[in-house]
Amino acid sequence: MDYNYKFFEQNGAKSLAVSYRDTIPSGYIAILRPNDQSKLGLTNSRTHIFLPASVDTWRIYPLNKQPVVGNECGKLLPSKFVGLDYDVIRWVSDTVAVIKTRDWGEVQIYVGPDTDAVIS
């Protein structure tokens, strides 16, 4: 399964070809990992996100959709709580993290350099 929650399948839908599926393929399942695990973003040491109170709202995205405007499942309200602190569960990319919120559970959040997020 990739970060978009799609399953990569080889020789399934098309013989001698690869494809993506939304469901788990039947038959053999294997986990493939590159030799250089750092390319997966698993060695990232940034583990904390602070959303400052100067920001009124912050979009959050479900785990099974790309974190782009229009796919949000809700908003966080840092200004209402004098800022919000979250531990990073994992990094999806250099600018998208998975966090666990009280009201929304696990969600994706965009915290790129063009935002006011403080990452440590």
PDB file of N, CA and C in Angstrom:
ATOM      1  N   MET A   1       0.853  -1.157   0.000  1.00  0.00           N
ATOM      2  CA  MET A   1       0.000   0.000   0.000  1.00  0.00           C
ATOM      3  C   MET A   1       0.904   1.225   0.000  1.00  0.00           C
ATOM      4  N   ASP A   2       0.557   2.219  -0.798  1.00  0.00           N
ATOM      5  CA  ASP A   2       1.357   3.440  -0.835  1.00  0.00           C
ATOM      6  C   ASP A   2       0.720   4.508   0.051  1.00  0.00           C
ATOM      7  N   TYR A   3       1.302   5.724   0.054  1.00  0.00           N
ATOM      8  CA  TYR A   3       0.816   6.779   0.938  1.00  0.00           C
ATOM      9  C   TYR A   3      -0.578   7.278   0.557  1.00  0.00           C
ATOM     10  N   ASN A   4      -1.059   6.926  -0.639  1.00  0.00           N
ATOM     11  CA  ASN A   4      -2.416   7.295  -1.054  1.00  0.00           C
ATOM     12  C   ASN A   4      -3.418   6.192  -0.740  1.00  0.00           C
ATOM     13  N   TYR A   5      -2.953   5.172   0.006  1.00  0.00           N
ATOM     14  CA  TYR A   5      -3.777   4.030   0.370  1.00  0.00           C
ATOM     15  C   TYR A   5      -4.259   3.269  -0.861  1.00  0.00           C
ATOM     16  N   LYS A   6      -3.383   3.173  -1.837  1.00  0.00           N
ATOM     17  CA  LYS A   6      -3.618   2.363  -3.027  1.00  0.00           C
ATOM     18  C   LYS A   6      -2.696   1.157  -2.956  1.00  0.00           C
ATOM     19  N   PHE A   7      -3.146   0.043  -3.493  1.00  0.00           N
ATOM     20  CA  PHE A   7      -2.353  -1.175  -3.485  1.00  0.00           C
ATOM     21  C   PHE A   7      -1.686  -1.352  -4.838  1.00  0.00           C
ATOM     22  N   PHE A   8      -0.400  -1.592  -4.807  1.00  0.00           N
ATOM     23  CA  PHE A   8       0.400  -1.817  -6.007  1.00  0.00           C
ATOM     24  C   PHE A   8       0.320  -3.296  -6.329  1.00  0.00           C
ATOM     25  N   GLU A   9      -0.015  -3.618  -7.560  1.00  0.00           N
ATOM     26  CA  GLU A   9      -0.191  -5.009  -7.951  1.00  0.00           C
ATOM     27  C   GLU A   9       0.590  -5.292  -9.226  1.00  0.00           C
ATOM     28  N   GLN A  10       1.307  -6.382  -9.218  1.00  0.00           N
ATOM     29  CA  GLN A  10       2.056  -6.792 -10.397  1.00  0.00           C
ATOM     30  C   GLN A  10       1.457  -8.079 -10.933  1.00  0.00           C
ATOM     31  N   ASN A  11       1.214  -8.114 -12.229  1.00  0.00           N
ATOM     32  CA  ASN A  11       0.663  -9.292 -12.913  1.00  0.00           C
ATOM     33  C   ASN A  11      -0.716  -9.677 -12.384  1.00  0.00           C
ATOM     34  N   GLY A  12      -1.503  -8.718 -11.953  1.00  0.00           N
ATOM     35  CA  GLY A  12      -2.849  -9.009 -11.453  1.00  0.00           C
ATOM     36  C   GLY A  12      -3.904  -8.626 -12.467  1.00  0.00           C
ATOM     37  N   ALA A  13      -4.147  -7.330 -12.581  1.00  0.00           N
ATOM     38  CA  ALA A  13      -5.165  -6.842 -13.508  1.00  0.00           C
ATOM     39  C   ALA A  13      -4.732  -7.043 -14.959  1.00  0.00           C
ATOM     40  N   LYS A  14      -3.422  -6.901 -15.194  1.00  0.00           N
ATOM     41  CA  LYS A  14      -2.877  -7.069 -16.539  1.00  0.00           C
ATOM     42  C   LYS A  14      -1.660  -7.973 -16.454  1.00  0.00           C
ATOM     43  N   SER A  15      -1.587  -8.943 -17.315  1.00  0.00           N
ATOM     44  CA  SER A  15      -0.443  -9.841 -17.329  1.00  0.00           C
ATOM     45  C   SER A  15       0.815  -9.078 -17.729  1.00  0.00           C
ATOM     46  N   LEU A  16       1.907  -9.323 -17.032  1.00  0.00           N
ATOM     47  CA  LEU A  16       3.203  -8.692 -17.289  1.00  0.00           C
ATOM     48  C   LEU A  16       3.147  -7.165 -17.174  1.00  0.00           C
ATOM     49  N   ALA A  17       2.280  -6.674 -16.308  1.00  0.00           N
ATOM     50  CA  ALA A  17       2.146  -5.231 -16.114  1.00  0.00           C
ATOM     51  C   ALA A  17       1.865  -4.948 -14.635  1.00  0.00           C
ATOM     52  N   VAL A  18       2.013  -3.693 -14.257  1.00  0.00           N
ATOM     53  CA  VAL A  18       1.703  -3.288 -12.889  1.00  0.00           C
ATOM     54  C   VAL A  18       0.504  -2.352 -12.901  1.00  0.00           C
ATOM     55  N   SER A  19      -0.218  -2.316 -11.773  1.00  0.00           N
ATOM     56  CA  SER A  19      -1.384  -1.447 -11.674  1.00  0.00           C
ATOM     57  C   SER A  19      -1.626  -1.098 -10.211  1.00  0.00           C
ATOM     58  N   TYR A  20      -2.519  -0.145  -9.983  1.00  0.00           N
ATOM     59  CA  TYR A  20      -2.934   0.232  -8.647  1.00  0.00           C
ATOM     60  C   TYR A  20      -4.378  -0.210  -8.447  1.00  0.00           C
ATOM     61  N   ARG A  21      -4.693  -0.575  -7.212  1.00  0.00           N
ATOM     62  CA  ARG A  21      -6.056  -0.984  -6.851  1.00  0.00           C
ATOM     63  C   ARG A  21      -6.470  -0.264  -5.580  1.00  0.00           C
ATOM     64  N   ASP A  22      -7.781  -0.139  -5.372  1.00  0.00           N
ATOM     65  CA  ASP A  22      -8.300   0.426  -4.129  1.00  0.00           C
ATOM     66  C   ASP A  22      -8.523  -0.643  -3.066  1.00  0.00           C
ATOM     67  N   THR A  23      -8.553  -1.904  -3.467  1.00  0.00           N
ATOM     68  CA  THR A  23      -8.797  -3.005  -2.539  1.00  0.00           C
ATOM     69  C   THR A  23      -7.576  -3.909  -2.462  1.00  0.00           C
ATOM     70  N   ILE A  24      -7.505  -4.688  -1.400  1.00  0.00           N
ATOM     71  CA  ILE A  24      -6.390  -5.617  -1.235  1.00  0.00           C
ATOM     72  C   ILE A  24      -6.493  -6.719  -2.287  1.00  0.00           C
ATOM     73  N   PRO A  25      -5.425  -6.938  -3.056  1.00  0.00           N
ATOM     74  CA  PRO A  25      -5.468  -8.003  -4.055  1.00  0.00           C
ATOM     75  C   PRO A  25      -5.498  -9.373  -3.387  1.00  0.00           C
ATOM     76  N   SER A  26      -6.165 -10.327  -4.029  1.00  0.00           N
ATOM     77  CA  SER A  26      -6.206 -11.678  -3.474  1.00  0.00           C
ATOM     78  C   SER A  26      -4.939 -12.430  -3.883  1.00  0.00           C
ATOM     79  N   GLY A  27      -4.638 -13.502  -3.196  1.00  0.00           N
ATOM     80  CA  GLY A  27      -3.451 -14.286  -3.529  1.00  0.00           C
ATOM     81  C   GLY A  27      -2.274 -13.864  -2.685  1.00  0.00           C
ATOM     82  N   TYR A  28      -1.104 -13.969  -3.234  1.00  0.00           N
ATOM     83  CA  TYR A  28       0.110 -13.636  -2.504  1.00  0.00           C
ATOM     84  C   TYR A  28       0.239 -12.133  -2.293  1.00  0.00           C
ATOM     85  N   ILE A  29       0.684 -11.770  -1.109  1.00  0.00           N
ATOM     86  CA  ILE A  29       0.942 -10.371  -0.786  1.00  0.00           C
ATOM     87  C   ILE A  29       2.356 -10.282  -0.235  1.00  0.00           C
ATOM     88  N   ALA A  30       3.117  -9.334  -0.700  1.00  0.00           N
ATOM     89  CA  ALA A  30       4.488  -9.153  -0.227  1.00  0.00           C
ATOM     90  C   ALA A  30       4.711  -7.693   0.129  1.00  0.00           C
ATOM     91  N   ILE A  31       5.648  -7.471   1.001  1.00  0.00           N
ATOM     92  CA  ILE A  31       6.030  -6.116   1.364  1.00  0.00           C
ATOM     93  C   ILE A  31       7.405  -5.867   0.780  1.00  0.00           C
ATOM     94  N   LEU A  32       7.521  -4.822  -0.009  1.00  0.00           N
ATOM     95  CA  LEU A  32       8.788  -4.476  -0.638  1.00  0.00           C
ATOM     96  C   LEU A  32       9.321  -3.206  -0.005  1.00  0.00           C
ATOM     97  N   ARG A  33      10.598  -3.219   0.338  1.00  0.00           N
ATOM     98  CA  ARG A  33      11.234  -2.041   0.917  1.00  0.00           C
ATOM     99  C   ARG A  33      12.528  -1.763   0.172  1.00  0.00           C
ATOM    100  N   PRO A  34      12.784  -0.501  -0.128  1.00  0.00           N
ATOM    101  CA  PRO A  34      14.051  -0.181  -0.794  1.00  0.00           C
ATOM    102  C   PRO A  34      15.222  -0.363   0.166  1.00  0.00           C
ATOM    103  N   ASN A  35      16.410  -0.565  -0.400  1.00  0.00           N
ATOM    104  CA  ASN A  35      17.612  -0.687   0.431  1.00  0.00           C
ATOM    105  C   ASN A  35      17.845   0.575   1.246  1.00  0.00           C
ATOM    106  N   ASP A  36      17.557   1.727   0.661  1.00  0.00           N
ATOM    107  CA  ASP A  36      17.747   3.001   1.353  1.00  0.00           C
ATOM    108  C   ASP A  36      16.425   3.430   1.988  1.00  0.00           C
ATOM    109  N   GLN A  37      16.208   3.040   3.248  1.00  0.00           N
ATOM    110  CA  GLN A  37      14.955   3.337   3.941  1.00  0.00           C
ATOM    111  C   GLN A  37      14.714   4.834   4.128  1.00  0.00           C
ATOM    112  N   SER A  38      15.769   5.640   4.066  1.00  0.00           N
ATOM    113  CA  SER A  38      15.598   7.079   4.260  1.00  0.00           C
ATOM    114  C   SER A  38      14.709   7.678   3.174  1.00  0.00           C
ATOM    115  N   LYS A  39      14.645   7.034   2.011  1.00  0.00           N
ATOM    116  CA  LYS A  39      13.791   7.539   0.939  1.00  0.00           C
ATOM    117  C   LYS A  39      12.317   7.412   1.283  1.00  0.00           C
ATOM    118  N   LEU A  40      11.985   6.595   2.271  1.00  0.00           N
ATOM    119  CA  LEU A  40      10.608   6.452   2.720  1.00  0.00           C
ATOM    120  C   LEU A  40      10.220   7.521   3.735  1.00  0.00           C
ATOM    121  N   GLY A  41      11.195   8.287   4.190  1.00  0.00           N
ATOM    122  CA  GLY A  41      10.917   9.301   5.195  1.00  0.00           C
ATOM    123  C   GLY A  41      10.817   8.740   6.600  1.00  0.00           C
ATOM    124  N   LEU A  42      11.250   7.499   6.816  1.00  0.00           N
ATOM    125  CA  LEU A  42      11.117   6.871   8.112  1.00  0.00           C
ATOM    126  C   LEU A  42      12.187   7.318   9.101  1.00  0.00           C
ATOM    127  N   THR A  43      13.245   7.927   8.621  1.00  0.00           N
ATOM    128  CA  THR A  43      14.322   8.330   9.510  1.00  0.00           C
ATOM    129  C   THR A  43      14.199   9.794   9.918  1.00  0.00           C
ATOM    130  N   ASN A  44      13.127  10.418   9.550  1.00  0.00           N
ATOM    131  CA  ASN A  44      12.930  11.827   9.870  1.00  0.00           C
ATOM    132  C   ASN A  44      12.825  12.011  11.383  1.00  0.00           C
ATOM    133  N   SER A  45      13.629  12.881  11.954  1.00  0.00           N
ATOM    134  CA  SER A  45      13.656  13.060  13.404  1.00  0.00           C
ATOM    135  C   SER A  45      12.691  14.143  13.885  1.00  0.00           C
ATOM    136  N   ARG A  46      11.998  14.812  12.981  1.00  0.00           N
ATOM    137  CA  ARG A  46      11.041  15.847  13.390  1.00  0.00           C
ATOM    138  C   ARG A  46       9.814  15.149  13.972  1.00  0.00           C
ATOM    139  N   THR A  47       9.524  15.380  15.231  1.00  0.00           N
ATOM    140  CA  THR A  47       8.475  14.611  15.893  1.00  0.00           C
ATOM    141  C   THR A  47       7.376  15.445  16.532  1.00  0.00           C
ATOM    142  N   HIS A  48       7.429  16.758  16.369  1.00  0.00           N
ATOM    143  CA  HIS A  48       6.473  17.613  17.066  1.00  0.00           C
ATOM    144  C   HIS A  48       6.039  18.767  16.163  1.00  0.00           C
ATOM    145  N   ILE A  49       4.750  19.093  16.221  1.00  0.00           N
ATOM    146  CA  ILE A  49       4.198  20.215  15.452  1.00  0.00           C
ATOM    147  C   ILE A  49       3.433  21.127  16.408  1.00  0.00           C
ATOM    148  N   PHE A  50       3.713  22.420  16.306  1.00  0.00           N
ATOM    149  CA  PHE A  50       2.969  23.425  17.063  1.00  0.00           C
ATOM    150  C   PHE A  50       2.287  24.351  16.072  1.00  0.00           C
ATOM    151  N   LEU A  51       0.970  24.501  16.225  1.00  0.00           N
ATOM    152  CA  LEU A  51       0.190  25.425  15.396  1.00  0.00           C
ATOM    153  C   LEU A  51      -0.108  26.653  16.260  1.00  0.00           C
ATOM    154  N   PRO A  52       0.459  27.808  15.919  1.00  0.00           N
ATOM    155  CA  PRO A  52       0.349  28.985  16.786  1.00  0.00           C
ATOM    156  C   PRO A  52      -1.054  29.589  16.822  1.00  0.00           C
ATOM    157  N   ALA A  53      -1.329  30.274  17.905  1.00  0.00           N
ATOM    158  CA  ALA A  53      -2.633  30.911  18.112  1.00  0.00           C
ATOM    159  C   ALA A  53      -2.913  32.017  17.111  1.00  0.00           C
ATOM    160  N   SER A  54      -1.888  32.491  16.428  1.00  0.00           N
ATOM    161  CA  SER A  54      -2.093  33.551  15.432  1.00  0.00           C
ATOM    162  C   SER A  54      -2.848  33.045  14.199  1.00  0.00           C
ATOM    163  N   VAL A  55      -3.035  31.737  14.105  1.00  0.00           N
ATOM    164  CA  VAL A  55      -3.749  31.138  12.972  1.00  0.00           C
ATOM    165  C   VAL A  55      -5.157  30.758  13.422  1.00  0.00           C
ATOM    166  N   ASP A  56      -6.167  31.246  12.697  1.00  0.00           N
ATOM    167  CA  ASP A  56      -7.557  30.955  13.066  1.00  0.00           C
ATOM    168  C   ASP A  56      -7.930  29.497  12.812  1.00  0.00           C
ATOM    169  N   THR A  57      -7.669  29.020  11.586  1.00  0.00           N
ATOM    170  CA  THR A  57      -8.052  27.647  11.235  1.00  0.00           C
ATOM    171  C   THR A  57      -6.923  26.953  10.480  1.00  0.00           C
ATOM    172  N   TRP A  58      -6.933  25.621  10.551  1.00  0.00           N
ATOM    173  CA  TRP A  58      -5.928  24.801   9.861  1.00  0.00           C
ATOM    174  C   TRP A  58      -6.627  23.576   9.301  1.00  0.00           C
ATOM    175  N   ARG A  59      -6.545  23.393   7.993  1.00  0.00           N
ATOM    176  CA  ARG A  59      -7.206  22.250   7.351  1.00  0.00           C
ATOM    177  C   ARG A  59      -6.556  20.934   7.752  1.00  0.00           C
ATOM    178  N   ILE A  60      -7.403  19.913   7.908  1.00  0.00           N
ATOM    179  CA  ILE A  60      -6.920  18.550   8.134  1.00  0.00           C
ATOM    180  C   ILE A  60      -7.568  17.631   7.107  1.00  0.00           C
ATOM    181  N   TYR A  61      -6.897  16.529   6.822  1.00  0.00           N
ATOM    182  CA  TYR A  61      -7.309  15.653   5.727  1.00  0.00           C
ATOM    183  C   TYR A  61      -7.389  14.208   6.194  1.00  0.00           C
ATOM    184  N   PRO A  62      -8.340  13.447   5.670  1.00  0.00           N
ATOM    185  CA  PRO A  62      -8.421  12.035   6.041  1.00  0.00           C
ATOM    186  C   PRO A  62      -7.199  11.270   5.515  1.00  0.00           C
ATOM    187  N   LEU A  63      -6.933  10.128   6.105  1.00  0.00           N
ATOM    188  CA  LEU A  63      -5.762   9.338   5.728  1.00  0.00           C
ATOM    189  C   LEU A  63      -5.872   8.734   4.337  1.00  0.00           C
ATOM    190  N   ASN A  64      -7.076   8.549   3.852  1.00  0.00           N
ATOM    191  CA  ASN A  64      -7.255   7.853   2.579  1.00  0.00           C
ATOM    192  C   ASN A  64      -7.432   8.785   1.374  1.00  0.00           C
ATOM    193  N   LYS A  65      -7.111  10.064   1.560  1.00  0.00           N
ATOM    194  CA  LYS A  65      -7.207  11.017   0.450  1.00  0.00           C
ATOM    195  C   LYS A  65      -5.964  11.879   0.410  1.00  0.00           C
ATOM    196  N   GLN A  66      -5.672  12.425  -0.766  1.00  0.00           N
ATOM    197  CA  GLN A  66      -4.533  13.326  -0.869  1.00  0.00           C
ATOM    198  C   GLN A  66      -4.828  14.607  -0.095  1.00  0.00           C
ATOM    199  N   PRO A  67      -3.829  15.131   0.611  1.00  0.00           N
ATOM    200  CA  PRO A  67      -4.038  16.345   1.406  1.00  0.00           C
ATOM    201  C   PRO A  67      -3.982  17.607   0.554  1.00  0.00           C
ATOM    202  N   VAL A  68      -5.045  17.831  -0.203  1.00  0.00           N
ATOM    203  CA  VAL A  68      -5.158  19.020  -1.047  1.00  0.00           C
ATOM    204  C   VAL A  68      -6.493  19.697  -0.751  1.00  0.00           C
ATOM    205  N   VAL A  69      -6.548  21.005  -0.991  1.00  0.00           N
ATOM    206  CA  VAL A  69      -7.773  21.766  -0.753  1.00  0.00           C
ATOM    207  C   VAL A  69      -8.925  21.105  -1.511  1.00  0.00           C
ATOM    208  N   GLY A  70     -10.014  20.916  -0.803  1.00  0.00           N
ATOM    209  CA  GLY A  70     -11.173  20.226  -1.359  1.00  0.00           C
ATOM    210  C   GLY A  70     -11.333  18.832  -0.776  1.00  0.00           C
ATOM    211  N   ASN A  71     -10.239  18.254  -0.273  1.00  0.00           N
ATOM    212  CA  ASN A  71     -10.287  16.923   0.336  1.00  0.00           C
ATOM    213  C   ASN A  71     -10.320  16.978   1.861  1.00  0.00           C
ATOM    214  N   GLU A  72     -10.368  18.177   2.437  1.00  0.00           N
ATOM    215  CA  GLU A  72     -10.297  18.270   3.892  1.00  0.00           C
ATOM    216  C   GLU A  72     -11.518  17.618   4.552  1.00  0.00           C
ATOM    217  N   CYS A  73     -11.295  17.095   5.760  1.00  0.00           N
ATOM    218  CA  CYS A  73     -12.389  16.490   6.521  1.00  0.00           C
ATOM    219  C   CYS A  73     -12.808  17.392   7.674  1.00  0.00           C
ATOM    220  N   GLY A  74     -12.041  18.437   7.921  1.00  0.00           N
ATOM    221  CA  GLY A  74     -12.369  19.355   8.997  1.00  0.00           C
ATOM    222  C   GLY A  74     -11.289  20.401   9.163  1.00  0.00           C
ATOM    223  N   LYS A  75     -11.401  21.165  10.239  1.00  0.00           N
ATOM    224  CA  LYS A  75     -10.421  22.219  10.521  1.00  0.00           C
ATOM    225  C   LYS A  75     -10.096  22.221  12.000  1.00  0.00           C
ATOM    226  N   LEU A  76      -8.837  22.508  12.285  1.00  0.00           N
ATOM    227  CA  LEU A  76      -8.407  22.734  13.656  1.00  0.00           C
ATOM    228  C   LEU A  76      -8.487  24.226  13.939  1.00  0.00           C
ATOM    229  N   LEU A  77      -8.625  24.590  15.194  1.00  0.00           N
ATOM    230  CA  LEU A  77      -8.800  25.994  15.577  1.00  0.00           C
ATOM    231  C   LEU A  77      -7.715  26.424  16.572  1.00  0.00           C
ATOM    232  N   PRO A  78      -6.482  26.636  16.089  1.00  0.00           N
ATOM    233  CA  PRO A  78      -5.399  27.006  17.004  1.00  0.00           C
ATOM    234  C   PRO A  78      -5.679  28.274  17.807  1.00  0.00           C
ATOM    235  N   SER A  79      -6.331  29.270  17.201  1.00  0.00           N
ATOM    236  CA  SER A  79      -6.568  30.538  17.908  1.00  0.00           C
ATOM    237  C   SER A  79      -7.521  30.364  19.087  1.00  0.00           C
ATOM    238  N   LYS A  80      -8.391  29.406  19.020  1.00  0.00           N
ATOM    239  CA  LYS A  80      -9.352  29.161  20.103  1.00  0.00           C
ATOM    240  C   LYS A  80      -8.673  28.551  21.336  1.00  0.00           C
ATOM    241  N   PHE A  81      -7.558  27.859  21.109  1.00  0.00           N
ATOM    242  CA  PHE A  81      -6.895  27.138  22.197  1.00  0.00           C
ATOM    243  C   PHE A  81      -5.505  27.690  22.520  1.00  0.00           C
ATOM    244  N   VAL A  82      -5.227  28.922  22.141  1.00  0.00           N
ATOM    245  CA  VAL A  82      -3.926  29.547  22.367  1.00  0.00           C
ATOM    246  C   VAL A  82      -2.815  28.664  21.773  1.00  0.00           C
ATOM    247  N   GLY A  83      -3.078  28.157  20.592  1.00  0.00           N
ATOM    248  CA  GLY A  83      -2.135  27.284  19.893  1.00  0.00           C
ATOM    249  C   GLY A  83      -2.433  25.822  20.176  1.00  0.00           C
ATOM    250  N   LEU A  84      -1.979  24.950  19.292  1.00  0.00           N
ATOM    251  CA  LEU A  84      -2.188  23.513  19.441  1.00  0.00           C
ATOM    252  C   LEU A  84      -0.875  22.775  19.241  1.00  0.00           C
ATOM    253  N   ASP A  85      -0.639  21.764  20.057  1.00  0.00           N
ATOM    254  CA  ASP A  85       0.561  20.929  19.981  1.00  0.00           C
ATOM    255  C   ASP A  85       0.181  19.516  19.576  1.00  0.00           C
ATOM    256  N   TYR A  86       0.973  18.927  18.678  1.00  0.00           N
ATOM    257  CA  TYR A  86       0.733  17.547  18.258  1.00  0.00           C
ATOM    258  C   TYR A  86       2.048  16.796  18.108  1.00  0.00           C
ATOM    259  N   ASP A  87       2.032  15.545  18.506  1.00  0.00           N
ATOM    260  CA  ASP A  87       3.143  14.649  18.215  1.00  0.00           C
ATOM    261  C   ASP A  87       2.929  14.090  16.821  1.00  0.00           C
ATOM    262  N   VAL A  88       3.992  13.944  16.059  1.00  0.00           N
ATOM    263  CA  VAL A  88       3.904  13.370  14.718  1.00  0.00           C
ATOM    264  C   VAL A  88       3.895  11.849  14.848  1.00  0.00           C
ATOM    265  N   ILE A  89       2.884  11.225  14.261  1.00  0.00           N
ATOM    266  CA  ILE A  89       2.826   9.766  14.226  1.00  0.00           C
ATOM    267  C   ILE A  89       3.760   9.250  13.143  1.00  0.00           C
ATOM    268  N   ARG A  90       3.677   9.874  11.982  1.00  0.00           N
ATOM    269  CA  ARG A  90       4.585   9.543  10.873  1.00  0.00           C
ATOM    270  C   ARG A  90       4.509  10.669   9.855  1.00  0.00           C
ATOM    271  N   TRP A  91       5.528  10.731   9.021  1.00  0.00           N
ATOM    272  CA  TRP A  91       5.587  11.710   7.941  1.00  0.00           C
ATOM    273  C   TRP A  91       5.188  11.026   6.646  1.00  0.00           C
ATOM    274  N   VAL A  92       4.237  11.616   5.929  1.00  0.00           N
ATOM    275  CA  VAL A  92       3.819  11.127   4.619  1.00  0.00           C
ATOM    276  C   VAL A  92       4.763  11.670   3.554  1.00  0.00           C
ATOM    277  N   SER A  93       5.201  12.897   3.751  1.00  0.00           N
ATOM    278  CA  SER A  93       6.175  13.556   2.878  1.00  0.00           C
ATOM    279  C   SER A  93       6.909  14.579   3.736  1.00  0.00           C
ATOM    280  N   ASP A  94       7.757  15.381   3.114  1.00  0.00           N
ATOM    281  CA  ASP A  94       8.476  16.406   3.877  1.00  0.00           C
ATOM    282  C   ASP A  94       7.555  17.473   4.455  1.00  0.00           C
ATOM    283  N   THR A  95       6.362  17.618   3.899  1.00  0.00           N
ATOM    284  CA  THR A  95       5.463  18.685   4.336  1.00  0.00           C
ATOM    285  C   THR A  95       4.110  18.186   4.843  1.00  0.00           C
ATOM    286  N   VAL A  96       3.893  16.890   4.858  1.00  0.00           N
ATOM    287  CA  VAL A  96       2.618  16.329   5.317  1.00  0.00           C
ATOM    288  C   VAL A  96       2.889  15.290   6.401  1.00  0.00           C
ATOM    289  N   ALA A  97       2.232  15.495   7.549  1.00  0.00           N
ATOM    290  CA  ALA A  97       2.400  14.583   8.678  1.00  0.00           C
ATOM    291  C   ALA A  97       1.059  13.985   9.068  1.00  0.00           C
ATOM    292  N   VAL A  98       1.121  12.858   9.743  1.00  0.00           N
ATOM    293  CA  VAL A  98      -0.068  12.260  10.348  1.00  0.00           C
ATOM    294  C   VAL A  98       0.003  12.570  11.831  1.00  0.00           C
ATOM    295  N   ILE A  99      -1.096  13.127  12.355  1.00  0.00           N
ATOM    296  CA  ILE A  99      -1.205  13.453  13.776  1.00  0.00           C
ATOM    297  C   ILE A  99      -2.496  12.835  14.310  1.00  0.00           C
ATOM    298  N   LYS A 100      -2.605  12.760  15.625  1.00  0.00           N
ATOM    299  CA  LYS A 100      -3.844  12.276  16.236  1.00  0.00           C
ATOM    300  C   LYS A 100      -4.477  13.429  16.996  1.00  0.00           C
ATOM    301  N   THR A 101      -5.725  13.739  16.631  1.00  0.00           N
ATOM    302  CA  THR A 101      -6.447  14.827  17.286  1.00  0.00           C
ATOM    303  C   THR A 101      -7.524  14.252  18.205  1.00  0.00           C
ATOM    304  N   ARG A 102      -7.956  15.058  19.130  1.00  0.00           N
ATOM    305  CA  ARG A 102      -9.002  14.620  20.058  1.00  0.00           C
ATOM    306  C   ARG A 102     -10.323  14.361  19.340  1.00  0.00           C
ATOM    307  N   ASP A 103     -10.717  15.278  18.473  1.00  0.00           N
ATOM    308  CA  ASP A 103     -12.035  15.192  17.851  1.00  0.00           C
ATOM    309  C   ASP A 103     -12.061  14.451  16.519  1.00  0.00           C
ATOM    310  N   TRP A 104     -10.953  14.425  15.792  1.00  0.00           N
ATOM    311  CA  TRP A 104     -10.942  13.857  14.449  1.00  0.00           C
ATOM    312  C   TRP A 104     -10.169  12.548  14.352  1.00  0.00           C
ATOM    313  N   GLY A 105      -9.489  12.158  15.412  1.00  0.00           N
ATOM    314  CA  GLY A 105      -8.665  10.952  15.355  1.00  0.00           C
ATOM    315  C   GLY A 105      -7.413  11.212  14.531  1.00  0.00           C
ATOM    316  N   GLU A 106      -6.912  10.184  13.851  1.00  0.00           N
ATOM    317  CA  GLU A 106      -5.711  10.348  13.034  1.00  0.00           C
ATOM    318  C   GLU A 106      -6.061  11.013  11.715  1.00  0.00           C
ATOM    319  N   VAL A 107      -5.331  12.062  11.403  1.00  0.00           N
ATOM    320  CA  VAL A 107      -5.548  12.834  10.181  1.00  0.00           C
ATOM    321  C   VAL A 107      -4.202  13.264   9.613  1.00  0.00           C
ATOM    322  N   GLN A 108      -4.226  13.698   8.369  1.00  0.00           N
ATOM    323  CA  GLN A 108      -3.049  14.294   7.747  1.00  0.00           C
ATOM    324  C   GLN A 108      -3.136  15.814   7.902  1.00  0.00           C
ATOM    325  N   ILE A 109      -1.960  16.429   7.994  1.00  0.00           N
ATOM    326  CA  ILE A 109      -1.909  17.883   8.108  1.00  0.00           C
ATOM    327  C   ILE A 109      -0.743  18.391   7.267  1.00  0.00           C
ATOM    328  N   TYR A 110      -1.000  19.449   6.522  1.00  0.00           N
ATOM    329  CA  TYR A 110       0.054  20.080   5.718  1.00  0.00           C
ATOM    330  C   TYR A 110       0.751  21.117   6.574  1.00  0.00           C
ATOM    331  N   VAL A 111       2.084  21.023   6.669  1.00  0.00           N
ATOM    332  CA  VAL A 111       2.868  21.949   7.483  1.00  0.00           C
ATOM    333  C   VAL A 111       4.104  22.412   6.715  1.00  0.00           C
ATOM    334  N   GLY A 112       3.894  22.840   5.490  1.00  0.00           N
ATOM    335  CA  GLY A 112       4.993  23.280   4.631  1.00  0.00           C
ATOM    336  C   GLY A 112       5.615  24.576   5.111  1.00  0.00           C
ATOM    337  N   PRO A 113       6.719  24.971   4.475  1.00  0.00           N
ATOM    338  CA  PRO A 113       7.439  26.194   4.876  1.00  0.00           C
ATOM    339  C   PRO A 113       6.620  27.465   4.662  1.00  0.00           C
ATOM    340  N   ASP A 114       5.570  27.389   3.869  1.00  0.00           N
ATOM    341  CA  ASP A 114       4.710  28.552   3.636  1.00  0.00           C
ATOM    342  C   ASP A 114       3.636  28.694   4.704  1.00  0.00           C
ATOM    343  N   THR A 115       3.679  27.860   5.750  1.00  0.00           N
ATOM    344  CA  THR A 115       2.716  27.948   6.851  1.00  0.00           C
ATOM    345  C   THR A 115       3.424  28.484   8.090  1.00  0.00           C
ATOM    346  N   ASP A 116       2.645  28.729   9.129  1.00  0.00           N
ATOM    347  CA  ASP A 116       3.194  29.204  10.392  1.00  0.00           C
ATOM    348  C   ASP A 116       3.493  28.073  11.370  1.00  0.00           C
ATOM    349  N   ALA A 117       3.417  26.836  10.934  1.00  0.00           N
ATOM    350  CA  ALA A 117       3.675  25.696  11.810  1.00  0.00           C
ATOM    351  C   ALA A 117       5.121  25.724  12.306  1.00  0.00           C
ATOM    352  N   VAL A 118       5.287  25.373  13.565  1.00  0.00           N
ATOM    353  CA  VAL A 118       6.610  25.255  14.164  1.00  0.00           C
ATOM    354  C   VAL A 118       6.877  23.765  14.326  1.00  0.00           C
ATOM    355  N   ILE A 119       7.899  23.275  13.630  1.00  0.00           N
ATOM    356  CA  ILE A 119       8.204  21.850  13.634  1.00  0.00           C
ATOM    357  C   ILE A 119       9.528  21.636  14.365  1.00  0.00           C
ATOM    358  N   SER A 120       9.514  20.710  15.310  1.00  0.00           N
ATOM    359  CA  SER A 120      10.736  20.417  16.061  1.00  0.00           C
ATOM    360  C   SER A 120      10.884  18.916  16.254  1.00  0.00           C
TER     361      SER A 120
END
